C-alpha cells in the first residue's frame, strides 16, 4: 500500500518538479529535496510504533523526496552534458545507477 500511494503521489508531482527544475536552478532544488529526505529519515527515530499511520506517511514522504532528488540530479546532469556525448553518458548513468 505504501508503494501504491508513493507511485500515485510521485506521478502527480513529477511534472511539477520537472517544470520547477526547468525554471529554477538545480542548486536550489537539490538541497531542498535532500533536506526533506533528511527530515523524513530523522522522523523515523521519533516513531512510537513501526506500523502506525505516521510511519506509513513518513515512508511515502521519503520515497517521493527520493524521486524528486533523482529528477533534480538528472536535470542537472542532462543540462551540463555536451550535446555530442549526451546519449552515451546518459546510458552509462542509467546502467551504473
N, C-alpha and C. Protein backbone atom coordinates (compact mmCIF):
# COMPACT_ATOMS: atom_id res chain seq x y z
N UNK A 1 0.81 -1.20 0.00
CA UNK A 1 0.00 0.00 0.00
C UNK A 1 0.85 1.26 0.00
N UNK A 2 1.96 1.22 0.70
CA UNK A 2 2.85 2.38 0.74
C UNK A 2 3.39 2.67 -0.65
N UNK A 3 3.78 1.64 -1.36
CA UNK A 3 4.32 1.83 -2.70
C UNK A 3 3.27 2.37 -3.66
N UNK A 4 2.05 1.91 -3.56
CA UNK A 4 0.99 2.41 -4.45
C UNK A 4 0.75 3.89 -4.20
N UNK A 5 0.64 4.27 -2.95
CA UNK A 5 0.44 5.68 -2.62
C UNK A 5 1.64 6.50 -3.09
N UNK A 6 2.85 5.98 -2.89
CA UNK A 6 4.06 6.69 -3.33
C UNK A 6 4.09 6.86 -4.84
N UNK A 7 3.71 5.82 -5.57
CA UNK A 7 3.71 5.91 -7.02
C UNK A 7 2.68 6.93 -7.50
N UNK A 8 1.51 6.92 -6.89
CA UNK A 8 0.47 7.89 -7.28
C UNK A 8 0.94 9.31 -6.99
N UNK A 9 1.47 9.54 -5.80
CA UNK A 9 1.95 10.89 -5.46
C UNK A 9 3.13 11.30 -6.34
N UNK A 10 4.01 10.37 -6.63
CA UNK A 10 5.15 10.68 -7.49
C UNK A 10 4.69 11.01 -8.90
N UNK A 11 3.73 10.26 -9.40
CA UNK A 11 3.20 10.52 -10.73
C UNK A 11 2.57 11.91 -10.81
N UNK A 12 1.95 12.33 -9.73
CA UNK A 12 1.34 13.66 -9.70
C UNK A 12 2.37 14.77 -9.53
N UNK A 13 3.46 14.50 -8.82
CA UNK A 13 4.43 15.56 -8.54
C UNK A 13 5.54 15.68 -9.59
N UNK A 14 5.83 14.62 -10.32
CA UNK A 14 6.94 14.65 -11.29
C UNK A 14 6.80 15.76 -12.32
N UNK A 15 5.64 15.97 -12.94
CA UNK A 15 5.56 17.07 -13.91
C UNK A 15 5.83 18.44 -13.30
N UNK A 16 5.36 18.66 -12.09
CA UNK A 16 5.59 19.94 -11.43
C UNK A 16 7.06 20.13 -11.06
N UNK A 17 7.68 19.08 -10.56
CA UNK A 17 9.09 19.15 -10.21
C UNK A 17 9.94 19.34 -11.47
N UNK A 18 9.57 18.67 -12.55
CA UNK A 18 10.27 18.86 -13.82
C UNK A 18 10.19 20.29 -14.29
N UNK A 19 9.02 20.89 -14.19
CA UNK A 19 8.85 22.29 -14.56
C UNK A 19 9.67 23.20 -13.66
N UNK A 20 9.66 22.90 -12.38
CA UNK A 20 10.45 23.70 -11.44
C UNK A 20 11.94 23.57 -11.76
N UNK A 21 12.40 22.35 -12.10
CA UNK A 21 13.81 22.15 -12.44
C UNK A 21 14.18 22.89 -13.72
N UNK A 22 13.21 23.09 -14.60
CA UNK A 22 13.48 23.83 -15.82
C UNK A 22 13.56 25.33 -15.57
N UNK A 23 12.86 25.82 -14.56
CA UNK A 23 12.82 27.27 -14.33
C UNK A 23 13.73 27.74 -13.21
N UNK A 24 13.94 26.91 -12.20
CA UNK A 24 14.77 27.27 -11.06
C UNK A 24 16.04 26.44 -11.11
N UNK A 25 17.13 27.00 -10.68
CA UNK A 25 18.41 26.30 -10.70
C UNK A 25 18.37 25.05 -9.81
N UNK A 26 19.01 24.01 -10.30
CA UNK A 26 19.06 22.75 -9.54
C UNK A 26 19.80 22.93 -8.22
N UNK A 27 20.66 23.92 -8.16
CA UNK A 27 21.39 24.17 -6.92
C UNK A 27 20.46 24.61 -5.80
N UNK A 28 19.27 25.04 -6.14
CA UNK A 28 18.28 25.38 -5.12
C UNK A 28 17.31 24.23 -4.87
N UNK A 29 17.00 23.45 -5.91
CA UNK A 29 16.04 22.35 -5.78
C UNK A 29 16.66 21.16 -5.05
N UNK A 30 17.88 20.81 -5.41
CA UNK A 30 18.50 19.62 -4.82
C UNK A 30 18.67 19.72 -3.30
N UNK A 31 19.14 20.82 -2.76
CA UNK A 31 19.24 20.87 -1.29
C UNK A 31 17.88 20.75 -0.59
N UNK A 32 16.84 21.29 -1.20
CA UNK A 32 15.51 21.17 -0.62
C UNK A 32 15.07 19.72 -0.60
N UNK A 33 15.26 19.02 -1.72
CA UNK A 33 14.87 17.61 -1.80
C UNK A 33 15.69 16.77 -0.82
N UNK A 34 16.99 17.01 -0.74
CA UNK A 34 17.81 16.26 0.19
C UNK A 34 17.44 16.58 1.64
N UNK A 35 17.08 17.82 1.92
CA UNK A 35 16.69 18.19 3.27
C UNK A 35 15.36 17.53 3.66
N UNK A 36 14.41 17.48 2.74
CA UNK A 36 13.13 16.81 3.04
C UNK A 36 13.38 15.33 3.32
N UNK A 37 14.25 14.71 2.52
CA UNK A 37 14.56 13.30 2.76
C UNK A 37 15.28 13.13 4.10
N UNK A 38 16.18 14.04 4.42
CA UNK A 38 16.87 14.00 5.70
C UNK A 38 15.87 14.08 6.86
N UNK A 39 14.92 15.01 6.76
CA UNK A 39 13.92 15.15 7.82
C UNK A 39 13.07 13.90 7.95
N UNK A 40 12.71 13.30 6.82
CA UNK A 40 11.90 12.08 6.89
C UNK A 40 12.69 10.94 7.50
N UNK A 41 13.99 10.89 7.25
CA UNK A 41 14.83 9.85 7.86
C UNK A 41 14.94 10.06 9.37
N UNK A 42 15.13 11.30 9.77
CA UNK A 42 15.22 11.61 11.20
C UNK A 42 13.88 11.33 11.89
N UNK A 43 12.78 11.55 11.18
CA UNK A 43 11.46 11.34 11.78
C UNK A 43 11.24 9.89 12.21
N UNK A 44 11.94 8.95 11.56
CA UNK A 44 11.81 7.55 11.97
C UNK A 44 12.27 7.33 13.42
N UNK A 45 13.19 8.14 13.88
CA UNK A 45 13.68 8.00 15.26
C UNK A 45 12.62 8.32 16.30
N UNK A 46 11.63 9.10 15.92
CA UNK A 46 10.63 9.55 16.88
C UNK A 46 9.32 8.77 16.81
N UNK A 47 9.30 7.72 16.01
CA UNK A 47 8.09 6.91 15.91
C UNK A 47 7.92 6.03 17.13
N UNK A 48 6.70 5.91 17.59
CA UNK A 48 6.39 5.02 18.70
C UNK A 48 6.14 3.60 18.22
N UNK A 49 5.53 3.48 17.04
CA UNK A 49 5.17 2.16 16.50
C UNK A 49 5.51 2.11 15.01
N UNK A 50 6.16 1.04 14.57
CA UNK A 50 6.53 0.96 13.16
C UNK A 50 5.36 0.69 12.22
N UNK A 51 4.20 0.35 12.76
CA UNK A 51 3.05 0.10 11.89
C UNK A 51 1.96 1.16 12.06
N UNK A 52 2.35 2.33 12.51
CA UNK A 52 1.38 3.42 12.68
C UNK A 52 1.17 4.15 11.35
N UNK A 53 0.13 4.95 11.31
CA UNK A 53 -0.15 5.77 10.14
C UNK A 53 1.00 6.73 9.87
N UNK A 54 1.59 7.26 10.93
CA UNK A 54 2.71 8.19 10.77
C UNK A 54 3.90 7.51 10.11
N UNK A 55 4.17 6.26 10.45
CA UNK A 55 5.27 5.53 9.82
C UNK A 55 5.03 5.38 8.32
N UNK A 56 3.80 5.07 7.95
CA UNK A 56 3.47 4.95 6.52
C UNK A 56 3.60 6.30 5.82
N UNK A 57 3.16 7.36 6.48
CA UNK A 57 3.27 8.69 5.88
C UNK A 57 4.73 9.08 5.69
N UNK A 58 5.56 8.78 6.67
CA UNK A 58 6.99 9.10 6.55
C UNK A 58 7.63 8.30 5.41
N UNK A 59 7.24 7.05 5.27
CA UNK A 59 7.76 6.24 4.16
C UNK A 59 7.38 6.86 2.82
N UNK A 60 6.15 7.29 2.69
CA UNK A 60 5.70 7.91 1.44
C UNK A 60 6.48 9.20 1.18
N UNK A 61 6.65 10.01 2.20
CA UNK A 61 7.41 11.26 2.04
C UNK A 61 8.85 10.96 1.63
N UNK A 62 9.44 9.94 2.23
CA UNK A 62 10.82 9.59 1.88
C UNK A 62 10.93 9.12 0.43
N UNK A 63 10.00 8.31 -0.01
CA UNK A 63 10.04 7.81 -1.39
C UNK A 63 9.83 8.95 -2.38
N UNK A 64 8.86 9.81 -2.13
CA UNK A 64 8.60 10.93 -3.04
C UNK A 64 9.78 11.89 -3.06
N UNK A 65 10.37 12.18 -1.91
CA UNK A 65 11.53 13.07 -1.89
C UNK A 65 12.73 12.44 -2.59
N UNK A 66 12.87 11.13 -2.52
CA UNK A 66 13.94 10.45 -3.25
C UNK A 66 13.75 10.58 -4.76
N UNK A 67 12.52 10.50 -5.20
CA UNK A 67 12.23 10.66 -6.63
C UNK A 67 12.50 12.10 -7.06
N UNK A 68 12.15 13.05 -6.22
CA UNK A 68 12.44 14.46 -6.53
C UNK A 68 13.95 14.68 -6.59
N UNK A 69 14.70 14.07 -5.68
CA UNK A 69 16.16 14.15 -5.72
C UNK A 69 16.68 13.60 -7.05
N UNK A 70 16.19 12.43 -7.41
CA UNK A 70 16.64 11.78 -8.64
C UNK A 70 16.35 12.65 -9.86
N UNK A 71 15.18 13.23 -9.89
CA UNK A 71 14.79 14.08 -11.02
C UNK A 71 15.66 15.33 -11.08
N UNK A 72 15.95 15.93 -9.95
CA UNK A 72 16.78 17.14 -9.96
C UNK A 72 18.23 16.82 -10.33
N UNK A 73 18.74 15.68 -9.89
CA UNK A 73 20.10 15.27 -10.28
C UNK A 73 20.15 14.98 -11.77
N UNK A 74 19.14 14.27 -12.29
CA UNK A 74 19.09 14.01 -13.73
C UNK A 74 19.01 15.30 -14.52
N UNK A 75 18.24 16.24 -14.05
CA UNK A 75 18.12 17.52 -14.74
C UNK A 75 19.45 18.25 -14.78
N UNK A 76 20.14 18.27 -13.66
CA UNK A 76 21.45 18.90 -13.59
C UNK A 76 22.43 18.20 -14.53
N UNK A 77 22.40 16.90 -14.52
CA UNK A 77 23.30 16.10 -15.35
C UNK A 77 23.04 16.35 -16.83
N UNK A 78 21.78 16.34 -17.23
CA UNK A 78 21.44 16.49 -18.65
C UNK A 78 21.70 17.90 -19.16
N UNK A 79 21.51 18.90 -18.32
CA UNK A 79 21.74 20.28 -18.76
C UNK A 79 23.21 20.57 -18.99
N UNK A 80 24.08 19.87 -18.29
CA UNK A 80 25.51 20.18 -18.35
C UNK A 80 26.31 19.23 -19.24
N UNK A 81 25.67 18.25 -19.84
CA UNK A 81 26.39 17.34 -20.73
C UNK A 81 26.54 17.95 -22.12
N UNK A 82 27.68 17.71 -22.77
CA UNK A 82 27.82 18.15 -24.15
C UNK A 82 26.84 17.40 -25.05
N UNK A 83 26.31 18.08 -26.02
CA UNK A 83 25.30 17.50 -26.91
C UNK A 83 25.81 16.26 -27.62
N UNK A 84 27.08 16.22 -27.96
CA UNK A 84 27.64 15.12 -28.74
C UNK A 84 27.72 13.82 -27.94
N UNK A 85 27.88 13.91 -26.64
CA UNK A 85 28.06 12.70 -25.83
C UNK A 85 26.91 12.44 -24.86
N UNK A 86 25.85 13.20 -24.97
CA UNK A 86 24.74 13.10 -24.02
C UNK A 86 24.12 11.70 -23.99
N UNK A 87 23.88 11.12 -25.15
CA UNK A 87 23.25 9.80 -25.21
C UNK A 87 24.10 8.72 -24.57
N UNK A 88 25.39 8.72 -24.89
CA UNK A 88 26.30 7.71 -24.33
C UNK A 88 26.41 7.86 -22.81
N UNK A 89 26.57 9.08 -22.35
CA UNK A 89 26.72 9.30 -20.92
C UNK A 89 25.42 9.05 -20.15
N UNK A 90 24.29 9.34 -20.76
CA UNK A 90 23.00 9.02 -20.10
C UNK A 90 22.82 7.51 -19.98
N UNK A 91 23.21 6.80 -21.03
CA UNK A 91 23.15 5.34 -20.97
C UNK A 91 24.05 4.78 -19.89
N UNK A 92 25.26 5.33 -19.78
CA UNK A 92 26.20 4.89 -18.74
C UNK A 92 25.65 5.21 -17.35
N UNK A 93 25.05 6.39 -17.20
CA UNK A 93 24.48 6.76 -15.90
C UNK A 93 23.33 5.83 -15.53
N UNK A 94 22.49 5.50 -16.49
CA UNK A 94 21.37 4.60 -16.23
C UNK A 94 21.86 3.20 -15.88
N UNK A 95 22.92 2.76 -16.55
CA UNK A 95 23.46 1.42 -16.29
C UNK A 95 24.07 1.34 -14.91
N UNK A 96 24.82 2.36 -14.51
CA UNK A 96 25.50 2.36 -13.23
C UNK A 96 24.53 2.64 -12.09
N UNK A 97 23.55 3.48 -12.35
CA UNK A 97 22.56 3.76 -11.32
C UNK A 97 22.67 5.15 -10.84
